[in-house]
Amino acid sequence: MKMRMHNPPHPGETLRQLCLDPLHLSVTTAAEALGVSRKTLSTILNGRAGISPEMAIRLSIAFGTSAESWLNQQLQYDLWMAEKRRKSLTVTRLTQFSRAAQPTKL
């Protein structure tokens, strides 16, 4: 079983620290290179939006990375955030001995 990272950073933080900052890129310059608006990139960098599959492809082309690595980072972050809310979920565990729901007649 794969261990999940403890409190993974939002991918936007990684993008800023490992891609934009080392190249001394402004948000505006990076957004233009990625073919997105400054606002779109800014919301990702500030952790208010996630990395979509299309953005993952754009990042992979621009920075020579894999789209899968960006999506994996987003998945790990999203899962971590969801796990923090686990106790507040109302879910009934189902087993083979659970009573089956009665079908609804149409």
PDB file of N, CA and C in Angstrom:
ATOM      1  N   MET A   1       0.841  -1.185   0.000  1.00  0.00           N
ATOM      2  CA  MET A   1       0.000   0.000   0.000  1.00  0.00           C
ATOM      3  C   MET A   1       0.883   1.244   0.000  1.00  0.00           C
ATOM      4  N   LYS A   2       0.541   2.199  -0.838  1.00  0.00           N
ATOM      5  CA  LYS A   2       1.323   3.421  -0.968  1.00  0.00           C
ATOM      6  C   LYS A   2       1.025   4.367   0.193  1.00  0.00           C
ATOM      7  N   MET A   3       2.090   4.900   0.796  1.00  0.00           N
ATOM      8  CA  MET A   3       1.920   5.864   1.875  1.00  0.00           C
ATOM      9  C   MET A   3       1.645   7.232   1.261  1.00  0.00           C
ATOM     10  N   ARG A   4       0.644   7.935   1.809  1.00  0.00           N
ATOM     11  CA  ARG A   4       0.366   9.288   1.358  1.00  0.00           C
ATOM     12  C   ARG A   4       1.283  10.269   2.069  1.00  0.00           C
ATOM     13  N   MET A   5       1.615  11.320   1.367  1.00  0.00           N
ATOM     14  CA  MET A   5       2.465  12.354   1.921  1.00  0.00           C
ATOM     15  C   MET A   5       1.741  13.054   3.069  1.00  0.00           C
ATOM     16  N   HIS A   6       2.473  13.435   4.080  1.00  0.00           N
ATOM     17  CA  HIS A   6       1.910  14.183   5.185  1.00  0.00           C
ATOM     18  C   HIS A   6       1.835  15.659   4.803  1.00  0.00           C
ATOM     19  N   ASN A   7       0.639  16.207   4.800  1.00  0.00           N
ATOM     20  CA  ASN A   7       0.394  17.615   4.517  1.00  0.00           C
ATOM     21  C   ASN A   7       1.129  18.103   3.258  1.00  0.00           C
ATOM     22  N   PRO A   8       0.781  17.553   2.099  1.00  0.00           N
ATOM     23  CA  PRO A   8       1.468  17.950   0.866  1.00  0.00           C
ATOM     24  C   PRO A   8       1.170  19.404   0.511  1.00  0.00           C
ATOM     25  N   PRO A   9       2.104  20.081  -0.126  1.00  0.00           N
ATOM     26  CA  PRO A   9       1.854  21.466  -0.529  1.00  0.00           C
ATOM     27  C   PRO A   9       0.878  21.510  -1.695  1.00  0.00           C
ATOM     28  N   HIS A  10       0.190  22.623  -1.822  1.00  0.00           N
ATOM     29  CA  HIS A  10      -0.652  22.832  -3.000  1.00  0.00           C
ATOM     30  C   HIS A  10       0.284  22.888  -4.214  1.00  0.00           C
ATOM     31  N   PRO A  11      -0.111  22.310  -5.342  1.00  0.00           N
ATOM     32  CA  PRO A  11       0.760  22.323  -6.518  1.00  0.00           C
ATOM     33  C   PRO A  11       1.156  23.729  -6.969  1.00  0.00           C
ATOM     34  N   GLY A  12       0.337  24.714  -6.667  1.00  0.00           N
ATOM     35  CA  GLY A  12       0.685  26.087  -7.016  1.00  0.00           C
ATOM     36  C   GLY A  12       1.932  26.557  -6.294  1.00  0.00           C
ATOM     37  N   GLU A  13       2.086  26.114  -5.055  1.00  0.00           N
ATOM     38  CA  GLU A  13       3.286  26.447  -4.280  1.00  0.00           C
ATOM     39  C   GLU A  13       4.516  25.815  -4.921  1.00  0.00           C
ATOM     40  N   THR A  14       4.380  24.565  -5.328  1.00  0.00           N
ATOM     41  CA  THR A  14       5.472  23.866  -6.002  1.00  0.00           C
ATOM     42  C   THR A  14       5.807  24.556  -7.322  1.00  0.00           C
ATOM     43  N   LEU A  15       4.788  24.922  -8.062  1.00  0.00           N
ATOM     44  CA  LEU A  15       4.982  25.606  -9.338  1.00  0.00           C
ATOM     45  C   LEU A  15       5.766  26.898  -9.144  1.00  0.00           C
ATOM     46  N   ARG A  16       5.404  27.660  -8.144  1.00  0.00           N
ATOM     47  CA  ARG A  16       6.104  28.921  -7.901  1.00  0.00           C
ATOM     48  C   ARG A  16       7.560  28.677  -7.483  1.00  0.00           C
ATOM     49  N   GLN A  17       7.758  27.776  -6.505  1.00  0.00           N
ATOM     50  CA  GLN A  17       9.093  27.566  -5.938  1.00  0.00           C
ATOM     51  C   GLN A  17      10.060  26.850  -6.870  1.00  0.00           C
ATOM     52  N   LEU A  18       9.565  25.887  -7.637  1.00  0.00           N
ATOM     53  CA  LEU A  18      10.456  25.075  -8.456  1.00  0.00           C
ATOM     54  C   LEU A  18      10.510  25.463  -9.931  1.00  0.00           C
ATOM     55  N   CYS A  19       9.546  26.246 -10.376  1.00  0.00           N
ATOM     56  CA  CYS A  19       9.515  26.598 -11.802  1.00  0.00           C
ATOM     57  C   CYS A  19       9.632  28.101 -12.049  1.00  0.00           C
ATOM     58  N   LEU A  20       8.760  28.888 -11.448  1.00  0.00           N
ATOM     59  CA  LEU A  20       8.785  30.321 -11.721  1.00  0.00           C
ATOM     60  C   LEU A  20       9.966  31.028 -11.061  1.00  0.00           C
ATOM     61  N   ASP A  21      10.150  30.814  -9.755  1.00  0.00           N
ATOM     62  CA  ASP A  21      11.211  31.527  -9.030  1.00  0.00           C
ATOM     63  C   ASP A  21      12.618  31.267  -9.583  1.00  0.00           C
ATOM     64  N   PRO A  22      12.993  30.003  -9.833  1.00  0.00           N
ATOM     65  CA  PRO A  22      14.356  29.770 -10.356  1.00  0.00           C
ATOM     66  C   PRO A  22      14.616  30.434 -11.713  1.00  0.00           C
ATOM     67  N   LEU A  23      13.559  30.599 -12.511  1.00  0.00           N
ATOM     68  CA  LEU A  23      13.708  31.224 -13.826  1.00  0.00           C
ATOM     69  C   LEU A  23      13.438  32.731 -13.774  1.00  0.00           C
ATOM     70  N   HIS A  24      13.155  33.242 -12.566  1.00  0.00           N
ATOM     71  CA  HIS A  24      12.849  34.669 -12.366  1.00  0.00           C
ATOM     72  C   HIS A  24      11.700  35.121 -13.262  1.00  0.00           C
ATOM     73  N   LEU A  25      10.668  34.276 -13.337  1.00  0.00           N
ATOM     74  CA  LEU A  25       9.509  34.581 -14.168  1.00  0.00           C
ATOM     75  C   LEU A  25       8.442  35.302 -13.359  1.00  0.00           C
ATOM     76  N   SER A  26       7.883  36.336 -13.926  1.00  0.00           N
ATOM     77  CA  SER A  26       6.731  36.985 -13.305  1.00  0.00           C
ATOM     78  C   SER A  26       5.489  36.148 -13.618  1.00  0.00           C
ATOM     79  N   VAL A  27       4.440  36.395 -12.885  1.00  0.00           N
ATOM     80  CA  VAL A  27       3.179  35.691 -13.142  1.00  0.00           C
ATOM     81  C   VAL A  27       2.704  36.024 -14.552  1.00  0.00           C
ATOM     82  N   THR A  28       2.821  37.274 -14.929  1.00  0.00           N
ATOM     83  CA  THR A  28       2.372  37.709 -16.251  1.00  0.00           C
ATOM     84  C   THR A  28       3.142  36.998 -17.364  1.00  0.00           C
ATOM     85  N   THR A  29       4.453  36.949 -17.249  1.00  0.00           N
ATOM     86  CA  THR A  29       5.282  36.293 -18.269  1.00  0.00           C
ATOM     87  C   THR A  29       4.978  34.803 -18.349  1.00  0.00           C
ATOM     88  N   ALA A  30       4.863  34.161 -17.193  1.00  0.00           N
ATOM     89  CA  ALA A  30       4.563  32.726 -17.177  1.00  0.00           C
ATOM     90  C   ALA A  30       3.183  32.457 -17.754  1.00  0.00           C
ATOM     91  N   ALA A  31       2.211  33.278 -17.417  1.00  0.00           N
ATOM     92  CA  ALA A  31       0.850  33.092 -17.936  1.00  0.00           C
ATOM     93  C   ALA A  31       0.829  33.219 -19.449  1.00  0.00           C
ATOM     94  N   GLU A  32       1.541  34.202 -19.966  1.00  0.00           N
ATOM     95  CA  GLU A  32       1.607  34.374 -21.423  1.00  0.00           C
ATOM     96  C   GLU A  32       2.230  33.154 -22.082  1.00  0.00           C
ATOM     97  N   ALA A  33       3.304  32.641 -21.505  1.00  0.00           N
ATOM     98  CA  ALA A  33       3.971  31.460 -22.063  1.00  0.00           C
ATOM     99  C   ALA A  33       3.068  30.233 -22.021  1.00  0.00           C
ATOM    100  N   LEU A  34       2.262  30.123 -20.971  1.00  0.00           N
ATOM    101  CA  LEU A  34       1.349  28.984 -20.826  1.00  0.00           C
ATOM    102  C   LEU A  34       0.087  29.139 -21.671  1.00  0.00           C
ATOM    103  N   GLY A  35      -0.167  30.341 -22.160  1.00  0.00           N
ATOM    104  CA  GLY A  35      -1.373  30.581 -22.958  1.00  0.00           C
ATOM    105  C   GLY A  35      -2.625  30.688 -22.121  1.00  0.00           C
ATOM    106  N   VAL A  36      -2.473  31.200 -20.885  1.00  0.00           N
ATOM    107  CA  VAL A  36      -3.612  31.391 -19.988  1.00  0.00           C
ATOM    108  C   VAL A  36      -3.591  32.824 -19.472  1.00  0.00           C
ATOM    109  N   SER A  37      -4.671  33.229 -18.843  1.00  0.00           N
ATOM    110  CA  SER A  37      -4.714  34.579 -18.291  1.00  0.00           C
ATOM    111  C   SER A  37      -3.872  34.660 -17.022  1.00  0.00           C
ATOM    112  N   ARG A  38      -3.468  35.863 -16.688  1.00  0.00           N
ATOM    113  CA  ARG A  38      -2.715  36.092 -15.460  1.00  0.00           C
ATOM    114  C   ARG A  38      -3.557  35.675 -14.254  1.00  0.00           C
ATOM    115  N   LYS A  39      -4.855  35.967 -14.316  1.00  0.00           N
ATOM    116  CA  LYS A  39      -5.764  35.626 -13.220  1.00  0.00           C
ATOM    117  C   LYS A  39      -5.825  34.107 -13.013  1.00  0.00           C
ATOM    118  N   THR A  40      -5.901  33.359 -14.097  1.00  0.00           N
ATOM    119  CA  THR A  40      -5.953  31.892 -14.007  1.00  0.00           C
ATOM    120  C   THR A  40      -4.718  31.355 -13.309  1.00  0.00           C
ATOM    121  N   LEU A  41      -3.547  31.801 -13.751  1.00  0.00           N
ATOM    122  CA  LEU A  41      -2.309  31.321 -13.141  1.00  0.00           C
ATOM    123  C   LEU A  41      -2.193  31.790 -11.695  1.00  0.00           C
ATOM    124  N   SER A  42      -2.578  33.007 -11.430  1.00  0.00           N
ATOM    125  CA  SER A  42      -2.498  33.551 -10.078  1.00  0.00           C
ATOM    126  C   SER A  42      -3.354  32.750  -9.096  1.00  0.00           C
ATOM    127  N   THR A  43      -4.551  32.336  -9.515  1.00  0.00           N
ATOM    128  CA  THR A  43      -5.412  31.562  -8.612  1.00  0.00           C
ATOM    129  C   THR A  43      -4.797  30.201  -8.284  1.00  0.00           C
ATOM    130  N   ILE A  44      -4.072  29.625  -9.228  1.00  0.00           N
ATOM    131  CA  ILE A  44      -3.371  28.361  -8.968  1.00  0.00           C
ATOM    132  C   ILE A  44      -2.204  28.600  -8.025  1.00  0.00           C
ATOM    133  N   LEU A  45      -1.404  29.616  -8.317  1.00  0.00           N
ATOM    134  CA  LEU A  45      -0.226  29.901  -7.492  1.00  0.00           C
ATOM    135  C   LEU A  45      -0.603  30.231  -6.047  1.00  0.00           C
ATOM    136  N   ASN A  46      -1.776  30.834  -5.868  1.00  0.00           N
ATOM    137  CA  ASN A  46      -2.222  31.205  -4.523  1.00  0.00           C
ATOM    138  C   ASN A  46      -3.073  30.130  -3.853  1.00  0.00           C
ATOM    139  N   GLY A  47      -3.168  28.957  -4.474  1.00  0.00           N
ATOM    140  CA  GLY A  47      -3.871  27.830  -3.874  1.00  0.00           C
ATOM    141  C   GLY A  47      -5.377  27.927  -3.887  1.00  0.00           C
ATOM    142  N   ARG A  48      -5.934  28.816  -4.702  1.00  0.00           N
ATOM    143  CA  ARG A  48      -7.391  28.965  -4.767  1.00  0.00           C
ATOM    144  C   ARG A  48      -8.011  28.152  -5.896  1.00  0.00           C
ATOM    145  N   ALA A  49      -7.173  27.569  -6.745  1.00  0.00           N
ATOM    146  CA  ALA A  49      -7.647  26.690  -7.828  1.00  0.00           C
ATOM    147  C   ALA A  49      -6.646  25.565  -7.988  1.00  0.00           C
ATOM    148  N   GLY A  50      -7.130  24.465  -8.518  1.00  0.00           N
ATOM    149  CA  GLY A  50      -6.276  23.302  -8.708  1.00  0.00           C
ATOM    150  C   GLY A  50      -5.730  23.213 -10.118  1.00  0.00           C
ATOM    151  N   ILE A  51      -4.910  22.208 -10.313  1.00  0.00           N
ATOM    152  CA  ILE A  51      -4.319  21.924 -11.624  1.00  0.00           C
ATOM    153  C   ILE A  51      -5.273  21.015 -12.389  1.00  0.00           C
ATOM    154  N   SER A  52      -5.804  21.508 -13.487  1.00  0.00           N
ATOM    155  CA  SER A  52      -6.685  20.698 -14.343  1.00  0.00           C
ATOM    156  C   SER A  52      -5.820  19.842 -15.269  1.00  0.00           C
ATOM    157  N   PRO A  53      -6.401  18.819 -15.891  1.00  0.00           N
ATOM    158  CA  PRO A  53      -5.625  18.036 -16.853  1.00  0.00           C
ATOM    159  C   PRO A  53      -5.033  18.897 -17.972  1.00  0.00           C
ATOM    160  N   GLU A  54      -5.799  19.865 -18.467  1.00  0.00           N
ATOM    161  CA  GLU A  54      -5.267  20.729 -19.527  1.00  0.00           C
ATOM    162  C   GLU A  54      -4.095  21.573 -19.012  1.00  0.00           C
ATOM    163  N   MET A  55      -4.236  22.117 -17.816  1.00  0.00           N
ATOM    164  CA  MET A  55      -3.137  22.910 -17.254  1.00  0.00           C
ATOM    165  C   MET A  55      -1.922  22.024 -17.018  1.00  0.00           C
ATOM    166  N   ALA A  56      -2.139  20.786 -16.600  1.00  0.00           N
ATOM    167  CA  ALA A  56      -1.019  19.858 -16.396  1.00  0.00           C
ATOM    168  C   ALA A  56      -0.250  19.656 -17.700  1.00  0.00           C
ATOM    169  N   ILE A  57      -0.964  19.563 -18.804  1.00  0.00           N
ATOM    170  CA  ILE A  57      -0.308  19.415 -20.108  1.00  0.00           C
ATOM    171  C   ILE A  57       0.455  20.686 -20.464  1.00  0.00           C
ATOM    172  N   ARG A  58      -0.155  21.839 -20.236  1.00  0.00           N
ATOM    173  CA  ARG A  58       0.528  23.110 -20.511  1.00  0.00           C
ATOM    174  C   ARG A  58       1.822  23.208 -19.703  1.00  0.00           C
ATOM    175  N   LEU A  59       1.748  22.860 -18.407  1.00  0.00           N
ATOM    176  CA  LEU A  59       2.933  22.925 -17.542  1.00  0.00           C
ATOM    177  C   LEU A  59       4.002  21.942 -18.001  1.00  0.00           C
ATOM    178  N   SER A  60       3.573  20.760 -18.424  1.00  0.00           N
ATOM    179  CA  SER A  60       4.544  19.754 -18.876  1.00  0.00           C
ATOM    180  C   SER A  60       5.288  20.228 -20.114  1.00  0.00           C
ATOM    181  N   ILE A  61       4.588  20.885 -21.016  1.00  0.00           N
ATOM    182  CA  ILE A  61       5.225  21.405 -22.227  1.00  0.00           C
ATOM    183  C   ILE A  61       6.174  22.557 -21.873  1.00  0.00           C
ATOM    184  N   ALA A  62       5.694  23.477 -21.051  1.00  0.00           N
ATOM    185  CA  ALA A  62       6.479  24.675 -20.731  1.00  0.00           C
ATOM    186  C   ALA A  62       7.721  24.379 -19.904  1.00  0.00           C
ATOM    187  N   PHE A  63       7.616  23.427 -18.969  1.00  0.00           N
ATOM    188  CA  PHE A  63       8.720  23.206 -18.030  1.00  0.00           C
ATOM    189  C   PHE A  63       9.417  21.859 -18.198  1.00  0.00           C
ATOM    190  N   GLY A  64       9.033  21.106 -19.225  1.00  0.00           N
ATOM    191  CA  GLY A  64       9.708  19.833 -19.481  1.00  0.00           C
ATOM    192  C   GLY A  64       9.468  18.799 -18.401  1.00  0.00           C
ATOM    193  N   THR A  65       8.262  18.808 -17.852  1.00  0.00           N
ATOM    194  CA  THR A  65       7.882  17.847 -16.817  1.00  0.00           C
ATOM    195  C   THR A  65       6.805  16.939 -17.394  1.00  0.00           C
ATOM    196  N   SER A  66       6.268  16.056 -16.577  1.00  0.00           N
ATOM    197  CA  SER A  66       5.164  15.218 -17.063  1.00  0.00           C
ATOM    198  C   SER A  66       3.839  15.759 -16.534  1.00  0.00           C
ATOM    199  N   ALA A  67       2.820  15.644 -17.365  1.00  0.00           N
ATOM    200  CA  ALA A  67       1.478  16.047 -16.939  1.00  0.00           C
ATOM    201  C   ALA A  67       1.041  15.210 -15.745  1.00  0.00           C
ATOM    202  N   GLU A  68       1.437  13.939 -15.745  1.00  0.00           N
ATOM    203  CA  GLU A  68       1.057  13.042 -14.648  1.00  0.00           C
ATOM    204  C   GLU A  68       1.611  13.510 -13.309  1.00  0.00           C
ATOM    205  N   SER A  69       2.808  14.072 -13.308  1.00  0.00           N
ATOM    206  CA  SER A  69       3.380  14.533 -12.043  1.00  0.00           C
ATOM    207  C   SER A  69       2.572  15.684 -11.465  1.00  0.00           C
ATOM    208  N   TRP A  70       2.095  16.588 -12.313  1.00  0.00           N
ATOM    209  CA  TRP A  70       1.275  17.701 -11.832  1.00  0.00           C
ATOM    210  C   TRP A  70      -0.081  17.205 -11.325  1.00  0.00           C
ATOM    211  N   LEU A  71      -0.671  16.279 -12.066  1.00  0.00           N
ATOM    212  CA  LEU A  71      -1.969  15.739 -11.629  1.00  0.00           C
ATOM    213  C   LEU A  71      -1.826  14.922 -10.358  1.00  0.00           C
ATOM    214  N   ASN A  72      -0.722  14.207 -10.208  1.00  0.00           N
ATOM    215  CA  ASN A  72      -0.494  13.436  -8.991  1.00  0.00           C
ATOM    216  C   ASN A  72      -0.358  14.365  -7.788  1.00  0.00           C
ATOM    217  N   GLN A  73       0.362  15.463  -7.964  1.00  0.00           N
ATOM    218  CA  GLN A  73       0.475  16.435  -6.868  1.00  0.00           C
ATOM    219  C   GLN A  73      -0.891  16.969  -6.471  1.00  0.00           C
ATOM    220  N   GLN A  74      -1.728  17.271  -7.474  1.00  0.00           N
ATOM    221  CA  GLN A  74      -3.071  17.783  -7.181  1.00  0.00           C
ATOM    222  C   GLN A  74      -3.903  16.728  -6.474  1.00  0.00           C
ATOM    223  N   LEU A  75      -3.811  15.493  -6.929  1.00  0.00           N
ATOM    224  CA  LEU A  75      -4.544  14.396  -6.307  1.00  0.00           C
ATOM    225  C   LEU A  75      -4.139  14.218  -4.845  1.00  0.00           C
ATOM    226  N   GLN A  76      -2.831  14.224  -4.585  1.00  0.00           N
ATOM    227  CA  GLN A  76      -2.351  14.058  -3.210  1.00  0.00           C
ATOM    228  C   GLN A  76      -2.832  15.195  -2.318  1.00  0.00           C
ATOM    229  N   TYR A  77      -2.808  16.411  -2.831  1.00  0.00           N
ATOM    230  CA  TYR A  77      -3.275  17.560  -2.067  1.00  0.00           C
ATOM    231  C   TYR A  77      -4.780  17.445  -1.791  1.00  0.00           C
ATOM    232  N   ASP A  78      -5.559  17.136  -2.834  1.00  0.00           N
ATOM    233  CA  ASP A  78      -7.019  17.011  -2.678  1.00  0.00           C
ATOM    234  C   ASP A  78      -7.383  15.905  -1.699  1.00  0.00           C
ATOM    235  N   LEU A  79      -6.692  14.779  -1.791  1.00  0.00           N
ATOM    236  CA  LEU A  79      -6.963  13.664  -0.891  1.00  0.00           C
ATOM    237  C   LEU A  79      -6.626  14.038   0.554  1.00  0.00           C
ATOM    238  N   TRP A  80      -5.519  14.726   0.754  1.00  0.00           N
ATOM    239  CA  TRP A  80      -5.144  15.173   2.098  1.00  0.00           C
ATOM    240  C   TRP A  80      -6.237  16.079   2.682  1.00  0.00           C
ATOM    241  N   MET A  81      -6.715  17.012   1.868  1.00  0.00           N
ATOM    242  CA  MET A  81      -7.755  17.931   2.339  1.00  0.00           C
ATOM    243  C   MET A  81      -9.048  17.171   2.651  1.00  0.00           C
ATOM    244  N   ALA A  82      -9.400  16.196   1.827  1.00  0.00           N
ATOM    245  CA  ALA A  82     -10.611  15.405   2.066  1.00  0.00           C
ATOM    246  C   ALA A  82     -10.470  14.556   3.327  1.00  0.00           C
ATOM    247  N   GLU A  83      -9.287  13.988   3.540  1.00  0.00           N
ATOM    248  CA  GLU A  83      -9.052  13.166   4.738  1.00  0.00           C
ATOM    249  C   GLU A  83      -9.226  13.994   6.016  1.00  0.00           C
ATOM    250  N   LYS A  84      -8.884  15.264   5.954  1.00  0.00           N
ATOM    251  CA  LYS A  84      -9.046  16.127   7.124  1.00  0.00           C
ATOM    252  C   LYS A  84     -10.523  16.275   7.494  1.00  0.00           C
ATOM    253  N   ARG A  85     -11.416  16.080   6.520  1.00  0.00           N
ATOM    254  CA  ARG A  85     -12.866  16.201   6.756  1.00  0.00           C
ATOM    255  C   ARG A  85     -13.540  14.844   6.972  1.00  0.00           C
ATOM    256  N   ARG A  86     -12.759  13.770   7.016  1.00  0.00           N
ATOM    257  CA  ARG A  86     -13.300  12.412   7.095  1.00  0.00           C
ATOM    258  C   ARG A  86     -14.315  12.233   8.228  1.00  0.00           C
ATOM    259  N   LYS A  87     -13.995  12.723   9.411  1.00  0.00           N
ATOM    260  CA  LYS A  87     -14.866  12.507  10.575  1.00  0.00           C
ATOM    261  C   LYS A  87     -16.209  13.213  10.447  1.00  0.00           C
ATOM    262  N   SER A  88     -16.289  14.228   9.611  1.00  0.00           N
ATOM    263  CA  SER A  88     -17.545  14.956   9.459  1.00  0.00           C
ATOM    264  C   SER A  88     -18.476  14.317   8.422  1.00  0.00           C
ATOM    265  N   LEU A  89     -18.010  13.276   7.730  1.00  0.00           N
ATOM    266  CA  LEU A  89     -18.824  12.614   6.715  1.00  0.00           C
ATOM    267  C   LEU A  89     -19.819  11.659   7.356  1.00  0.00           C
ATOM    268  N   THR A  90     -21.005  11.630   6.814  1.00  0.00           N
ATOM    269  CA  THR A  90     -22.026  10.695   7.274  1.00  0.00           C
ATOM    270  C   THR A  90     -22.127   9.585   6.239  1.00  0.00           C
ATOM    271  N   VAL A  91     -21.547   8.424   6.587  1.00  0.00           N
ATOM    272  CA  VAL A  91     -21.498   7.292   5.655  1.00  0.00           C
ATOM    273  C   VAL A  91     -21.767   6.019   6.440  1.00  0.00           C
ATOM    274  N   THR A  92     -22.542   5.122   5.862  1.00  0.00           N
ATOM    275  CA  THR A  92     -22.790   3.821   6.464  1.00  0.00           C
ATOM    276  C   THR A  92     -21.915   2.802   5.761  1.00  0.00           C
ATOM    277  N   ARG A  93     -21.159   2.039   6.548  1.00  0.00           N
ATOM    278  CA  ARG A  93     -20.304   1.013   5.960  1.00  0.00           C
ATOM    279  C   ARG A  93     -21.169  -0.129   5.448  1.00  0.00           C
ATOM    280  N   LEU A  94     -20.902  -0.579   4.253  1.00  0.00           N
ATOM    281  CA  LEU A  94     -21.653  -1.670   3.642  1.00  0.00           C
ATOM    282  C   LEU A  94     -20.819  -2.936   3.668  1.00  0.00           C
ATOM    283  N   THR A  95     -21.469  -4.033   3.967  1.00  0.00           N
ATOM    284  CA  THR A  95     -20.817  -5.335   3.958  1.00  0.00           C
ATOM    285  C   THR A  95     -21.716  -6.303   3.207  1.00  0.00           C
ATOM    286  N   GLN A  96     -21.243  -7.533   3.044  1.00  0.00           N
ATOM    287  CA  GLN A  96     -22.070  -8.518   2.345  1.00  0.00           C
ATOM    288  C   GLN A  96     -23.315  -8.874   3.142  1.00  0.00           C
ATOM    289  N   PHE A  97     -23.305  -8.547   4.436  1.00  0.00           N
ATOM    290  CA  PHE A  97     -24.448  -8.862   5.279  1.00  0.00           C
ATOM    291  C   PHE A  97     -25.386  -7.674   5.464  1.00  0.00           C
ATOM    292  N   SER A  98     -25.073  -6.559   4.823  1.00  0.00           N
ATOM    293  CA  SER A  98     -25.938  -5.381   4.921  1.00  0.00           C
ATOM    294  C   SER A  98     -27.260  -5.678   4.241  1.00  0.00           C
ATOM    295  N   ARG A  99     -28.310  -5.130   4.809  1.00  0.00           N
ATOM    296  CA  ARG A  99     -29.625  -5.309   4.203  1.00  0.00           C
ATOM    297  C   ARG A  99     -29.700  -4.511   2.918  1.00  0.00           C
ATOM    298  N   ALA A 100     -30.073  -5.151   1.851  1.00  0.00           N
ATOM    299  CA  ALA A 100     -30.166  -4.483   0.549  1.00  0.00           C
ATOM    300  C   ALA A 100     -31.312  -3.492   0.571  1.00  0.00           C
ATOM    301  N   ALA A 101     -31.131  -2.381  -0.085  1.00  0.00           N
ATOM    302  CA  ALA A 101     -32.170  -1.384  -0.197  1.00  0.00           C
ATOM    303  C   ALA A 101     -33.307  -1.959  -1.027  1.00  0.00           C
ATOM    304  N   GLN A 102     -34.517  -1.600  -0.671  1.00  0.00           N
ATOM    305  CA  GLN A 102     -35.683  -2.074  -1.405  1.00  0.00           C
ATOM    306  C   GLN A 102     -35.787  -1.281  -2.717  1.00  0.00           C
ATOM    307  N   PRO A 103     -35.981  -1.975  -3.814  1.00  0.00           N
ATOM    308  CA  PRO A 103     -36.109  -1.269  -5.080  1.00  0.00           C
ATOM    309  C   PRO A 103     -37.344  -0.363  -5.084  1.00  0.00           C
ATOM    310  N   THR A 104     -37.231   0.752  -5.722  1.00  0.00           N
ATOM    311  CA  THR A 104     -38.336   1.688  -5.825  1.00  0.00           C
ATOM    312  C   THR A 104     -39.146   1.338  -7.067  1.00  0.00           C
ATOM    313  N   LYS A 105     -40.471   1.282  -6.911  1.00  0.00           N
ATOM    314  CA  LYS A 105     -41.339   1.000  -8.054  1.00  0.00           C
ATOM    315  C   LYS A 105     -41.578   2.292  -8.816  1.00  0.00           C
ATOM    316  N   LEU A 106     -41.497   2.198 -10.134  1.00  0.00           N
ATOM    317  CA  LEU A 106     -41.728   3.366 -10.986  1.00  0.00           C
ATOM    318  C   LEU A 106     -43.150   3.431 -11.421  1.00  0.00           C
TER     319      LEU A 106
END
